[in-house]
């Protein structure tokens, strides 16, 4: 009996000593026994106030480009010379990418907010021959273009591609020889849009038919807008300067001309420029075409400066 009582006493005493030592070590680790020590409460790392993010306010009447950029993407006003309008387009772009002959470059946009992009192709004066495609998903190219320009410096290729329901990828392949590199740039801010005159001057072109649009030498660039009622769009756009003298040729295909219309700005320096549009689709697939002036040479319109000699013309005398 005495042995059992003695064993219980020793066990309880040892347990009390161990608890006392644990308490002392715990207090010592907090610095309570160190003089002039400030204790700071521990903060739960998960108990952090969430960062306040102000929502982006979008006007219900805003157009697509208004919430994609800080500035309103208006077209250059009438009266701009071709060089001025060309500079206004190129100043919105980032540094252009050099695409060597036979090479491929891609620009991907994963955000669904990017609903249209602008493609600018140019060269240092050599011919430009490229394939431009829009990839939407694996093995799906709903938008294709074959572009040829005789002089990529004088007449750079400039078009707008609709990219609804991202992600989308724009692929540009230089199909020219290695001696003919091109400069390519694709951007989604400050994208050009058709003017009021271009939108309201639409004419129907039946399948297999063509229509020509001659322009005065004062016009230094024109706008071309092609679309359908939702059917596929197959067309050939040519810029001629003289008989059978193609300065720029675009072979276009889009699987939905209403969802992904074609809009481009073609440079027309000099005189005798004619835009010819051919609907290469069957008769069951008509399309709507609009061609309107984009910029006018102010010096030629006022009779100041040079320009081509117009036989029998009276430019600048009114």
C-alpha atoms as a PDB file:
ATOM      1  CA  UNK A   1       0.000   0.000   0.000  1.00  0.00           C
ATOM      2  CA  UNK A   2       2.791   2.359   0.918  1.00  0.00           C
ATOM      3  CA  UNK A   3       4.623   1.481  -2.309  1.00  0.00           C
ATOM      4  CA  UNK A   4       1.551   2.332  -4.439  1.00  0.00           C
ATOM      5  CA  UNK A   5       1.098   5.650  -2.664  1.00  0.00           C
ATOM      6  CA  UNK A   6       4.778   6.469  -3.132  1.00  0.00           C
ATOM      7  CA  UNK A   7       4.633   5.623  -6.846  1.00  0.00           C
ATOM      8  CA  UNK A   8       1.578   7.870  -7.408  1.00  0.00           C
ATOM      9  CA  UNK A   9       3.272  10.733  -5.614  1.00  0.00           C
ATOM     10  CA  UNK A  10       6.429  10.433  -7.714  1.00  0.00           C
ATOM     11  CA  UNK A  11       4.411  10.203 -10.966  1.00  0.00           C
ATOM     12  CA  UNK A  12       2.244  13.267 -10.159  1.00  0.00           C
ATOM     13  CA  UNK A  13       5.279  15.273  -9.099  1.00  0.00           C
ATOM     14  CA  UNK A  14       7.167  14.471 -12.274  1.00  0.00           C
ATOM     15  CA  UNK A  15       4.145  15.421 -14.345  1.00  0.00           C
ATOM     16  CA  UNK A  16       3.851  18.730 -12.529  1.00  0.00           C
ATOM     17  CA  UNK A  17       7.540  19.482 -13.085  1.00  0.00           C
ATOM     18  CA  UNK A  18       7.280  18.710 -16.808  1.00  0.00           C
ATOM     19  CA  UNK A  19       4.261  21.018 -17.196  1.00  0.00           C
ATOM     20  CA  UNK A  20       6.104  23.766 -15.342  1.00  0.00           C
ATOM     21  CA  UNK A  21       9.151  23.438 -17.614  1.00  0.00           C
ATOM     22  CA  UNK A  22       6.977  23.568 -20.772  1.00  0.00           C
ATOM     23  CA  UNK A  23       5.241  26.726 -19.512  1.00  0.00           C
ATOM     24  CA  UNK A  24       8.588  28.368 -18.683  1.00  0.00           C
ATOM     25  CA  UNK A  25      10.052  27.582 -22.090  1.00  0.00           C
ATOM     26  CA  UNK A  26       6.947  28.920 -23.816  1.00  0.00           C
ATOM     27  CA  UNK A  27       7.107  32.220 -21.903  1.00  0.00           C
ATOM     28  CA  UNK A  28      10.835  32.518 -22.541  1.00  0.00           C
ATOM     29  CA  UNK A  29      10.381  32.096 -26.300  1.00  0.00           C
ATOM     30  CA  UNK A  30       7.991  35.074 -26.358  1.00  0.00           C
ATOM     31  CA  UNK A  31      10.586  37.328 -24.769  1.00  0.00           C
ATOM     32  CA  UNK A  32       8.560  37.988 -21.642  1.00  0.00           C
ATOM     33  CA  UNK A  33      11.638  37.607 -19.393  1.00  0.00           C
ATOM     34  CA  UNK A  34      13.777  39.963 -21.488  1.00  0.00           C
ATOM     35  CA  UNK A  35      13.643  43.550 -20.261  1.00  0.00           C
ATOM     36  CA  UNK A  36      12.434  46.316 -22.608  1.00  0.00           C
ATOM     37  CA  UNK A  37      11.008  43.823 -25.072  1.00  0.00           C
ATOM     38  CA  UNK A  38       7.875  44.693 -27.047  1.00  0.00           C
ATOM     39  CA  UNK A  39       5.500  41.900 -27.863  1.00  0.00           C
ATOM     40  CA  UNK A  40       3.709  42.009 -31.214  1.00  0.00           C
ATOM     41  CA  UNK A  41       0.571  39.993 -31.814  1.00  0.00           C
ATOM     42  CA  UNK A  42       0.716  37.394 -34.525  1.00  0.00           C
ATOM     43  CA  UNK A  43      -1.293  38.061 -37.659  1.00  0.00           C
ATOM     44  CA  UNK A  44      -3.072  35.379 -39.549  1.00  0.00           C
ATOM     45  CA  UNK A  45      -1.691  35.518 -43.108  1.00  0.00           C
ATOM     46  CA  UNK A  46      -5.095  34.556 -44.481  1.00  0.00           C
ATOM     47  CA  UNK A  47      -6.864  37.279 -42.518  1.00  0.00           C
ATOM     48  CA  UNK A  48      -5.883  40.038 -44.936  1.00  0.00           C
ATOM     49  CA  UNK A  49      -8.293  42.640 -46.190  1.00  0.00           C
ATOM     50  CA  UNK A  50      -8.970  42.129 -49.895  1.00  0.00           C
ATOM     51  CA  UNK A  51      -7.598  44.701 -52.327  1.00  0.00           C
ATOM     52  CA  UNK A  52     -10.253  47.048 -53.601  1.00  0.00           C
ATOM     53  CA  UNK A  53     -10.453  47.129 -57.397  1.00  0.00           C
ATOM     54  CA  UNK A  54     -12.529  49.831 -58.948  1.00  0.00           C
ATOM     55  CA  UNK A  55     -14.758  48.439 -61.686  1.00  0.00           C
ATOM     56  CA  UNK A  56     -14.323  49.535 -65.299  1.00  0.00           C
ATOM     57  CA  UNK A  57     -17.282  51.574 -66.371  1.00  0.00           C
ATOM     58  CA  UNK A  58     -18.348  50.955 -69.947  1.00  0.00           C
ATOM     59  CA  UNK A  59     -20.970  53.097 -71.576  1.00  0.00           C
ATOM     60  CA  UNK A  60     -23.912  51.025 -72.813  1.00  0.00           C
ATOM     61  CA  UNK A  61     -23.802  52.963 -76.075  1.00  0.00           C
ATOM     62  CA  UNK A  62     -20.046  52.556 -76.574  1.00  0.00           C
ATOM     63  CA  UNK A  63     -18.769  51.001 -79.737  1.00  0.00           C
ATOM     64  CA  UNK A  64     -16.322  48.109 -79.697  1.00  0.00           C
ATOM     65  CA  UNK A  65     -13.078  50.067 -80.060  1.00  0.00           C
ATOM     66  CA  UNK A  66     -14.041  52.577 -77.328  1.00  0.00           C
ATOM     67  CA  UNK A  67     -13.435  50.158 -74.476  1.00  0.00           C
ATOM     68  CA  UNK A  68     -10.381  48.587 -76.118  1.00  0.00           C
ATOM     69  CA  UNK A  69      -8.407  51.833 -76.140  1.00  0.00           C
ATOM     70  CA  UNK A  70      -8.268  55.162 -74.375  1.00  0.00           C
ATOM     71  CA  UNK A  71      -8.786  57.220 -77.502  1.00  0.00           C
ATOM     72  CA  UNK A  72     -11.633  57.192 -79.953  1.00  0.00           C
ATOM     73  CA  UNK A  73     -10.516  55.388 -83.113  1.00  0.00           C
ATOM     74  CA  UNK A  74     -11.682  57.826 -85.755  1.00  0.00           C
ATOM     75  CA  UNK A  75     -10.469  57.716 -89.316  1.00  0.00           C
ATOM     76  CA  UNK A  76      -8.197  60.504 -90.569  1.00  0.00           C
ATOM     77  CA  UNK A  77     -10.347  63.435 -91.688  1.00  0.00           C
ATOM     78  CA  UNK A  78     -10.813  64.281 -95.317  1.00  0.00           C
ATOM     79  CA  UNK A  79      -8.079  66.574 -96.526  1.00  0.00           C
ATOM     80  CA  UNK A  80      -5.122  64.607 -95.185  1.00  0.00           C
ATOM     81  CA  UNK A  81      -2.428  63.839 -97.676  1.00  0.00           C
ATOM     82  CA  UNK A  82      -1.508  60.219 -98.282  1.00  0.00           C
ATOM     83  CA  UNK A  83       1.796  60.541 -96.436  1.00  0.00           C
ATOM     84  CA  UNK A  84       0.071  62.163 -93.446  1.00  0.00           C
ATOM     85  CA  UNK A  85      -2.598  59.491 -93.315  1.00  0.00           C
ATOM     86  CA  UNK A  86       0.061  56.794 -93.644  1.00  0.00           C
ATOM     87  CA  UNK A  87       2.009  58.279 -90.747  1.00  0.00           C
ATOM     88  CA  UNK A  88      -1.141  58.521 -88.629  1.00  0.00           C
ATOM     89  CA  UNK A  89      -1.652  54.784 -89.082  1.00  0.00           C
ATOM     90  CA  UNK A  90       1.939  53.751 -88.476  1.00  0.00           C
ATOM     91  CA  UNK A  91       2.345  55.907 -85.362  1.00  0.00           C
ATOM     92  CA  UNK A  92      -0.315  53.814 -83.616  1.00  0.00           C
ATOM     93  CA  UNK A  93       1.650  50.628 -84.113  1.00  0.00           C
ATOM     94  CA  UNK A  94       4.419  49.185 -82.051  1.00  0.00           C
ATOM     95  CA  UNK A  95       7.765  48.289 -83.515  1.00  0.00           C
ATOM     96  CA  UNK A  96       7.163  46.272 -86.670  1.00  0.00           C
ATOM     97  CA  UNK A  97       8.372  42.680 -86.902  1.00  0.00           C
ATOM     98  CA  UNK A  98      10.637  41.703 -89.762  1.00  0.00           C
ATOM     99  CA  UNK A  99       9.409  38.576 -91.549  1.00  0.00           C
ATOM    100  CA  UNK A 100      11.979  37.005 -93.831  1.00  0.00           C
ATOM    101  CA  UNK A 101      11.064  35.216 -97.048  1.00  0.00           C
ATOM    102  CA  UNK A 102       9.443  31.856 -96.338  1.00  0.00           C
ATOM    103  CA  UNK A 103       8.992  32.627 -92.613  1.00  0.00           C
ATOM    104  CA  UNK A 104       5.873  32.630 -90.449  1.00  0.00           C
ATOM    105  CA  UNK A 105       4.960  34.948 -87.563  1.00  0.00           C
ATOM    106  CA  UNK A 106       1.901  34.767 -85.311  1.00  0.00           C
ATOM    107  CA  UNK A 107       0.114  37.202 -82.991  1.00  0.00           C
ATOM    108  CA  UNK A 108      -2.197  35.612 -80.394  1.00  0.00           C
ATOM    109  CA  UNK A 109      -5.019  37.330 -78.498  1.00  0.00           C
ATOM    110  CA  UNK A 110      -6.588  35.282 -75.699  1.00  0.00           C
ATOM    111  CA  UNK A 111      -8.863  37.970 -74.318  1.00  0.00           C
ATOM    112  CA  UNK A 112     -12.428  37.926 -75.693  1.00  0.00           C
ATOM    113  CA  UNK A 113     -12.482  41.728 -75.370  1.00  0.00           C
ATOM    114  CA  UNK A 114     -10.247  41.999 -78.442  1.00  0.00           C
ATOM    115  CA  UNK A 115     -12.871  41.907 -81.174  1.00  0.00           C
ATOM    116  CA  UNK A 116     -10.837  43.389 -84.035  1.00  0.00           C
ATOM    117  CA  UNK A 117      -7.186  43.906 -84.916  1.00  0.00           C
ATOM    118  CA  UNK A 118      -5.381  45.938 -87.548  1.00  0.00           C
ATOM    119  CA  UNK A 119      -2.757  44.396 -89.813  1.00  0.00           C
ATOM    120  CA  UNK A 120      -0.105  46.561 -91.497  1.00  0.00           C
ATOM    121  CA  UNK A 121       2.328  45.067 -94.011  1.00  0.00           C
ATOM    122  CA  UNK A 122       5.080  47.031 -95.733  1.00  0.00           C
ATOM    123  CA  UNK A 123       8.548  46.676 -97.236  1.00  0.00           C
ATOM    124  CA  UNK A 124      11.497  48.854 -98.147  1.00  0.00           C
ATOM    125  CA  UNK A 125      10.250  49.307-101.709  1.00  0.00           C
ATOM    126  CA  UNK A 126      10.389  45.708-102.880  1.00  0.00           C
ATOM    127  CA  UNK A 127       7.380  43.574-103.845  1.00  0.00           C
ATOM    128  CA  UNK A 128       5.246  42.179-101.037  1.00  0.00           C
ATOM    129  CA  UNK A 129       3.701  38.712-101.254  1.00  0.00           C
ATOM    130  CA  UNK A 130       2.134  37.235 -98.126  1.00  0.00           C
ATOM    131  CA  UNK A 131      -0.582  34.976 -96.747  1.00  0.00           C
ATOM    132  CA  UNK A 132      -2.657  36.340 -93.853  1.00  0.00           C
ATOM    133  CA  UNK A 133      -4.865  33.963 -91.882  1.00  0.00           C
ATOM    134  CA  UNK A 134      -7.018  34.089 -88.776  1.00  0.00           C
ATOM    135  CA  UNK A 135      -6.860  30.939 -86.655  1.00  0.00           C
ATOM    136  CA  UNK A 136      -9.786  30.248 -84.352  1.00  0.00           C
ATOM    137  CA  UNK A 137      -9.298  26.900 -82.685  1.00  0.00           C
ATOM    138  CA  UNK A 138      -7.383  23.890 -83.982  1.00  0.00           C
ATOM    139  CA  UNK A 139      -7.475  23.405 -87.759  1.00  0.00           C
ATOM    140  CA  UNK A 140      -9.993  26.246 -88.172  1.00  0.00           C
ATOM    141  CA  UNK A 141      -9.104  29.244 -90.356  1.00  0.00           C
ATOM    142  CA  UNK A 142     -12.318  31.247 -90.877  1.00  0.00           C
ATOM    143  CA  UNK A 143     -10.453  34.157 -92.518  1.00  0.00           C
ATOM    144  CA  UNK A 144      -7.808  33.931 -95.261  1.00  0.00           C
ATOM    145  CA  UNK A 145      -6.121  36.474 -97.518  1.00  0.00           C
ATOM    146  CA  UNK A 146      -3.484  36.339-100.206  1.00  0.00           C
ATOM    147  CA  UNK A 147      -1.866  39.777-100.544  1.00  0.00           C
ATOM    148  CA  UNK A 148       0.372  41.047-103.337  1.00  0.00           C
ATOM    149  CA  UNK A 149       1.736  44.605-103.493  1.00  0.00           C
ATOM    150  CA  UNK A 150       4.092  45.812-106.204  1.00  0.00           C
ATOM    151  CA  UNK A 151       5.795  48.393-103.938  1.00  0.00           C
ATOM    152  CA  UNK A 152       5.378  47.810-100.203  1.00  0.00           C
ATOM    153  CA  UNK A 153       6.786  51.210 -99.307  1.00  0.00           C
ATOM    154  CA  UNK A 154       4.606  53.312-101.601  1.00  0.00           C
ATOM    155  CA  UNK A 155       1.435  51.276-101.010  1.00  0.00           C
ATOM    156  CA  UNK A 156       1.551  49.484 -97.685  1.00  0.00           C
ATOM    157  CA  UNK A 157      -1.184  46.926 -97.009  1.00  0.00           C
ATOM    158  CA  UNK A 158      -3.525  48.024 -94.226  1.00  0.00           C
ATOM    159  CA  UNK A 159      -6.646  46.076 -93.211  1.00  0.00           C
ATOM    160  CA  UNK A 160      -8.840  45.347 -90.188  1.00  0.00           C
ATOM    161  CA  UNK A 161      -9.692  41.767 -89.213  1.00  0.00           C
ATOM    162  CA  UNK A 162     -12.617  40.980 -86.917  1.00  0.00           C
ATOM    163  CA  UNK A 163     -11.676  38.598 -84.080  1.00  0.00           C
ATOM    164  CA  UNK A 164     -14.882  37.786 -82.186  1.00  0.00           C
ATOM    165  CA  UNK A 165     -15.052  35.145 -79.466  1.00  0.00           C
ATOM    166  CA  UNK A 166     -11.402  34.789 -78.499  1.00  0.00           C
ATOM    167  CA  UNK A 167      -8.880  33.323 -78.308  1.00  0.00           C
ATOM    168  CA  UNK A 168      -7.720  34.161 -81.837  1.00  0.00           C
ATOM    169  CA  UNK A 169      -4.377  34.068 -83.614  1.00  0.00           C
ATOM    170  CA  UNK A 170      -3.314  36.085 -86.646  1.00  0.00           C
ATOM    171  CA  UNK A 171      -0.722  34.290 -88.778  1.00  0.00           C
ATOM    172  CA  UNK A 172       1.342  36.078 -91.434  1.00  0.00           C
ATOM    173  CA  UNK A 173       3.525  34.065 -93.795  1.00  0.00           C
ATOM    174  CA  UNK A 174       5.940  35.697 -96.214  1.00  0.00           C
ATOM    175  CA  UNK A 175       5.647  33.510 -99.296  1.00  0.00           C
ATOM    176  CA  UNK A 176       8.153  35.582-101.244  1.00  0.00           C
ATOM    177  CA  UNK A 177      11.788  34.721-101.813  1.00  0.00           C
ATOM    178  CA  UNK A 178      14.423  35.273 -99.153  1.00  0.00           C
ATOM    179  CA  UNK A 179      15.485  38.459-100.977  1.00  0.00           C
ATOM    180  CA  UNK A 180      12.078  40.033-100.255  1.00  0.00           C
ATOM    181  CA  UNK A 181      11.590  40.506 -96.485  1.00  0.00           C
ATOM    182  CA  UNK A 182       8.525  42.350 -95.233  1.00  0.00           C
ATOM    183  CA  UNK A 183       7.618  44.300 -92.108  1.00  0.00           C
ATOM    184  CA  UNK A 184       4.477  43.172 -90.299  1.00  0.00           C
ATOM    185  CA  UNK A 185       2.610  44.608 -87.364  1.00  0.00           C
ATOM    186  CA  UNK A 186      -0.664  43.587 -85.711  1.00  0.00           C
ATOM    187  CA  UNK A 187      -2.288  45.675 -82.977  1.00  0.00           C
ATOM    188  CA  UNK A 188      -5.681  45.956 -81.286  1.00  0.00           C
ATOM    189  CA  UNK A 189      -5.710  49.595 -80.138  1.00  0.00           C
ATOM    190  CA  UNK A 190      -6.665  52.653 -82.203  1.00  0.00           C
ATOM    191  CA  UNK A 191      -8.058  50.476 -84.961  1.00  0.00           C
ATOM    192  CA  UNK A 192      -9.388  52.310 -88.023  1.00  0.00           C
ATOM    193  CA  UNK A 193     -13.103  52.125 -88.727  1.00  0.00           C
ATOM    194  CA  UNK A 194     -15.127  52.794 -91.901  1.00  0.00           C
ATOM    195  CA  UNK A 195     -16.313  56.325 -92.481  1.00  0.00           C
ATOM    196  CA  UNK A 196     -19.946  57.336 -92.738  1.00  0.00           C
ATOM    197  CA  UNK A 197     -19.720  57.727 -96.516  1.00  0.00           C
ATOM    198  CA  UNK A 198     -18.201  54.283 -96.898  1.00  0.00           C
ATOM    199  CA  UNK A 199     -20.887  52.549 -94.855  1.00  0.00           C
ATOM    200  CA  UNK A 200     -23.753  54.279 -96.671  1.00  0.00           C
ATOM    201  CA  UNK A 201     -22.445  53.728-100.208  1.00  0.00           C
ATOM    202  CA  UNK A 202     -22.874  49.947-100.292  1.00  0.00           C
ATOM    203  CA  UNK A 203     -23.724  48.282-103.599  1.00  0.00           C
ATOM    204  CA  UNK A 204     -24.663  44.656-104.183  1.00  0.00           C
ATOM    205  CA  UNK A 205     -22.361  42.554-106.344  1.00  0.00           C
ATOM    206  CA  UNK A 206     -23.870  39.259-107.454  1.00  0.00           C
ATOM    207  CA  UNK A 207     -21.866  36.062-107.621  1.00  0.00           C
ATOM    208  CA  UNK A 208     -19.527  36.040-110.597  1.00  0.00           C
ATOM    209  CA  UNK A 209     -19.995  39.772-111.263  1.00  0.00           C
ATOM    210  CA  UNK A 210     -17.516  42.642-110.919  1.00  0.00           C
ATOM    211  CA  UNK A 211     -17.636  46.364-110.282  1.00  0.00           C
ATOM    212  CA  UNK A 212     -15.040  49.083-110.874  1.00  0.00           C
ATOM    213  CA  UNK A 213     -14.494  52.323-108.977  1.00  0.00           C
ATOM    214  CA  UNK A 214     -12.326  54.981-110.687  1.00  0.00           C
ATOM    215  CA  UNK A 215     -10.892  57.803-108.559  1.00  0.00           C
ATOM    216  CA  UNK A 216      -9.661  61.316-109.162  1.00  0.00           C
ATOM    217  CA  UNK A 217      -5.909  62.035-108.782  1.00  0.00           C
ATOM    218  CA  UNK A 218      -6.789  64.129-105.713  1.00  0.00           C
ATOM    219  CA  UNK A 219      -7.721  60.953-103.824  1.00  0.00           C
ATOM    220  CA  UNK A 220      -4.596  59.446-102.283  1.00  0.00           C
ATOM    221  CA  UNK A 221      -6.224  56.558-100.368  1.00  0.00           C
ATOM    222  CA  UNK A 222      -9.574  54.790-100.427  1.00  0.00           C
ATOM    223  CA  UNK A 223     -11.636  52.655 -98.051  1.00  0.00           C
ATOM    224  CA  UNK A 224     -12.958  49.252 -99.097  1.00  0.00           C
ATOM    225  CA  UNK A 225     -15.668  47.472 -97.093  1.00  0.00           C
ATOM    226  CA  UNK A 226     -17.010  44.046 -98.090  1.00  0.00           C
ATOM    227  CA  UNK A 227     -19.645  42.034 -96.233  1.00  0.00           C
ATOM    228  CA  UNK A 228     -22.514  39.591 -96.700  1.00  0.00           C
ATOM    229  CA  UNK A 229     -25.719  38.670 -94.905  1.00  0.00           C
ATOM    230  CA  UNK A 230     -23.979  35.809 -93.095  1.00  0.00           C
ATOM    231  CA  UNK A 231     -22.977  33.708 -96.073  1.00  0.00           C
ATOM    232  CA  UNK A 232     -19.372  32.963 -97.051  1.00  0.00           C
ATOM    233  CA  UNK A 233     -17.496  35.733 -98.829  1.00  0.00           C
ATOM    234  CA  UNK A 234     -15.105  35.079-101.710  1.00  0.00           C
ATOM    235  CA  UNK A 235     -13.720  38.111-103.497  1.00  0.00           C
ATOM    236  CA  UNK A 236     -10.775  39.511-105.405  1.00  0.00           C
ATOM    237  CA  UNK A 237      -9.814  43.152-104.874  1.00  0.00           C
ATOM    238  CA  UNK A 238      -7.481  44.756-107.395  1.00  0.00           C
ATOM    239  CA  UNK A 239      -5.908  48.194-107.538  1.00  0.00           C
ATOM    240  CA  UNK A 240      -5.037  49.090-111.120  1.00  0.00           C
ATOM    241  CA  UNK A 241      -3.105  52.051-112.475  1.00  0.00           C
ATOM    242  CA  UNK A 242      -3.300  51.761-116.213  1.00  0.00           C
ATOM    243  CA  UNK A 243      -4.507  48.886-118.403  1.00  0.00           C
ATOM    244  CA  UNK A 244      -3.711  45.474-116.890  1.00  0.00           C
ATOM    245  CA  UNK A 245      -1.252  47.040-114.436  1.00  0.00           C
ATOM    246  CA  UNK A 246      -1.997  45.574-111.018  1.00  0.00           C
ATOM    247  CA  UNK A 247      -0.430  47.560-108.207  1.00  0.00           C
ATOM    248  CA  UNK A 248      -2.152  45.624-105.432  1.00  0.00           C
ATOM    249  CA  UNK A 249      -4.144  42.364-105.438  1.00  0.00           C
ATOM    250  CA  UNK A 250      -6.046  40.789-102.536  1.00  0.00           C
ATOM    251  CA  UNK A 251      -7.703  37.373-102.743  1.00  0.00           C
ATOM    252  CA  UNK A 252     -10.127  37.099 -99.848  1.00  0.00           C
ATOM    253  CA  UNK A 253     -12.101  34.320 -98.162  1.00  0.00           C
ATOM    254  CA  UNK A 254     -14.164  34.562 -94.986  1.00  0.00           C
ATOM    255  CA  UNK A 255     -16.655  31.938 -93.858  1.00  0.00           C
ATOM    256  CA  UNK A 256     -19.105  34.540 -92.492  1.00  0.00           C
ATOM    257  CA  UNK A 257     -19.174  37.930 -94.189  1.00  0.00           C
ATOM    258  CA  UNK A 258     -21.449  39.391 -91.519  1.00  0.00           C
ATOM    259  CA  UNK A 259     -19.492  38.203 -88.499  1.00  0.00           C
ATOM    260  CA  UNK A 260     -16.100  38.856 -90.092  1.00  0.00           C
ATOM    261  CA  UNK A 261     -16.392  41.557 -92.784  1.00  0.00           C
ATOM    262  CA  UNK A 262     -13.429  42.867 -94.757  1.00  0.00           C
ATOM    263  CA  UNK A 263     -12.237  46.453 -94.322  1.00  0.00           C
ATOM    264  CA  UNK A 264      -9.036  47.856 -95.784  1.00  0.00           C
ATOM    265  CA  UNK A 265      -7.423  51.170 -96.674  1.00  0.00           C
ATOM    266  CA  UNK A 266      -5.669  51.146-100.046  1.00  0.00           C
ATOM    267  CA  UNK A 267      -3.121  53.774-101.016  1.00  0.00           C
ATOM    268  CA  UNK A 268      -3.814  55.328-104.415  1.00  0.00           C
ATOM    269  CA  UNK A 269      -0.965  57.790-105.123  1.00  0.00           C
ATOM    270  CA  UNK A 270      -0.728  59.200-108.614  1.00  0.00           C
ATOM    271  CA  UNK A 271      -3.399  59.329-111.301  1.00  0.00           C
ATOM    272  CA  UNK A 272      -5.441  56.733-113.154  1.00  0.00           C
ATOM    273  CA  UNK A 273      -6.248  54.595-110.094  1.00  0.00           C
ATOM    274  CA  UNK A 274      -9.141  52.160-110.395  1.00  0.00           C
ATOM    275  CA  UNK A 275     -10.379  49.717-107.748  1.00  0.00           C
ATOM    276  CA  UNK A 276     -11.895  46.557-109.222  1.00  0.00           C
ATOM    277  CA  UNK A 277     -13.869  44.137-107.038  1.00  0.00           C
ATOM    278  CA  UNK A 278     -14.797  40.679-108.326  1.00  0.00           C
ATOM    279  CA  UNK A 279     -17.214  38.369-106.523  1.00  0.00           C
ATOM    280  CA  UNK A 280     -15.572  35.005-107.171  1.00  0.00           C
ATOM    281  CA  UNK A 281     -18.352  33.062-105.404  1.00  0.00           C
ATOM    282  CA  UNK A 282     -21.279  31.386-107.212  1.00  0.00           C
ATOM    283  CA  UNK A 283     -24.447  33.295-107.980  1.00  0.00           C
ATOM    284  CA  UNK A 284     -26.046  32.070-104.727  1.00  0.00           C
ATOM    285  CA  UNK A 285     -23.589  34.154-102.686  1.00  0.00           C
ATOM    286  CA  UNK A 286     -24.013  37.896-103.328  1.00  0.00           C
ATOM    287  CA  UNK A 287     -22.043  40.440-101.348  1.00  0.00           C
ATOM    288  CA  UNK A 288     -22.205  44.109-100.447  1.00  0.00           C
ATOM    289  CA  UNK A 289     -19.297  46.346-101.473  1.00  0.00           C
ATOM    290  CA  UNK A 290     -18.492  49.912-100.431  1.00  0.00           C
ATOM    291  CA  UNK A 291     -15.600  51.974-101.789  1.00  0.00           C
ATOM    292  CA  UNK A 292     -15.129  55.608-100.728  1.00  0.00           C
ATOM    293  CA  UNK A 293     -12.273  58.158-100.555  1.00  0.00           C
ATOM    294  CA  UNK A 294     -10.261  58.074 -97.356  1.00  0.00           C
ATOM    295  CA  UNK A 295      -7.805  60.972 -97.777  1.00  0.00           C
ATOM    296  CA  UNK A 296      -7.245  63.776-100.283  1.00  0.00           C
ATOM    297  CA  UNK A 297      -4.045  65.569-101.244  1.00  0.00           C
ATOM    298  CA  UNK A 298      -4.601  69.129-100.013  1.00  0.00           C
ATOM    299  CA  UNK A 299      -1.689  70.566-101.968  1.00  0.00           C
ATOM    300  CA  UNK A 300      -3.010  69.245-105.265  1.00  0.00           C
ATOM    301  CA  UNK A 301      -6.550  70.320-104.426  1.00  0.00           C
ATOM    302  CA  UNK A 302      -5.395  73.905-103.801  1.00  0.00           C
ATOM    303  CA  UNK A 303      -3.233  73.975-106.909  1.00  0.00           C
ATOM    304  CA  UNK A 304       0.005  74.237-104.909  1.00  0.00           C
ATOM    305  CA  UNK A 305       2.925  71.918-105.508  1.00  0.00           C
ATOM    306  CA  UNK A 306       3.557  69.332-108.149  1.00  0.00           C
ATOM    307  CA  UNK A 307       1.617  66.222-108.986  1.00  0.00           C
ATOM    308  CA  UNK A 308       1.007  64.411-112.230  1.00  0.00           C
ATOM    309  CA  UNK A 309       0.304  66.393-115.376  1.00  0.00           C
ATOM    310  CA  UNK A 310      -3.398  66.230-116.200  1.00  0.00           C
ATOM    311  CA  UNK A 311      -4.012  66.808-119.907  1.00  0.00           C
ATOM    312  CA  UNK A 312      -7.095  68.937-120.358  1.00  0.00           C
ATOM    313  CA  UNK A 313      -7.610  69.176-116.607  1.00  0.00           C
ATOM    314  CA  UNK A 314      -8.326  72.323-114.650  1.00  0.00           C
ATOM    315  CA  UNK A 315      -7.344  71.239-111.145  1.00  0.00           C
ATOM    316  CA  UNK A 316      -6.858  74.155-108.792  1.00  0.00           C
ATOM    317  CA  UNK A 317      -8.617  76.705-111.043  1.00  0.00           C
ATOM    318  CA  UNK A 318     -11.990  76.758-109.382  1.00  0.00           C
END
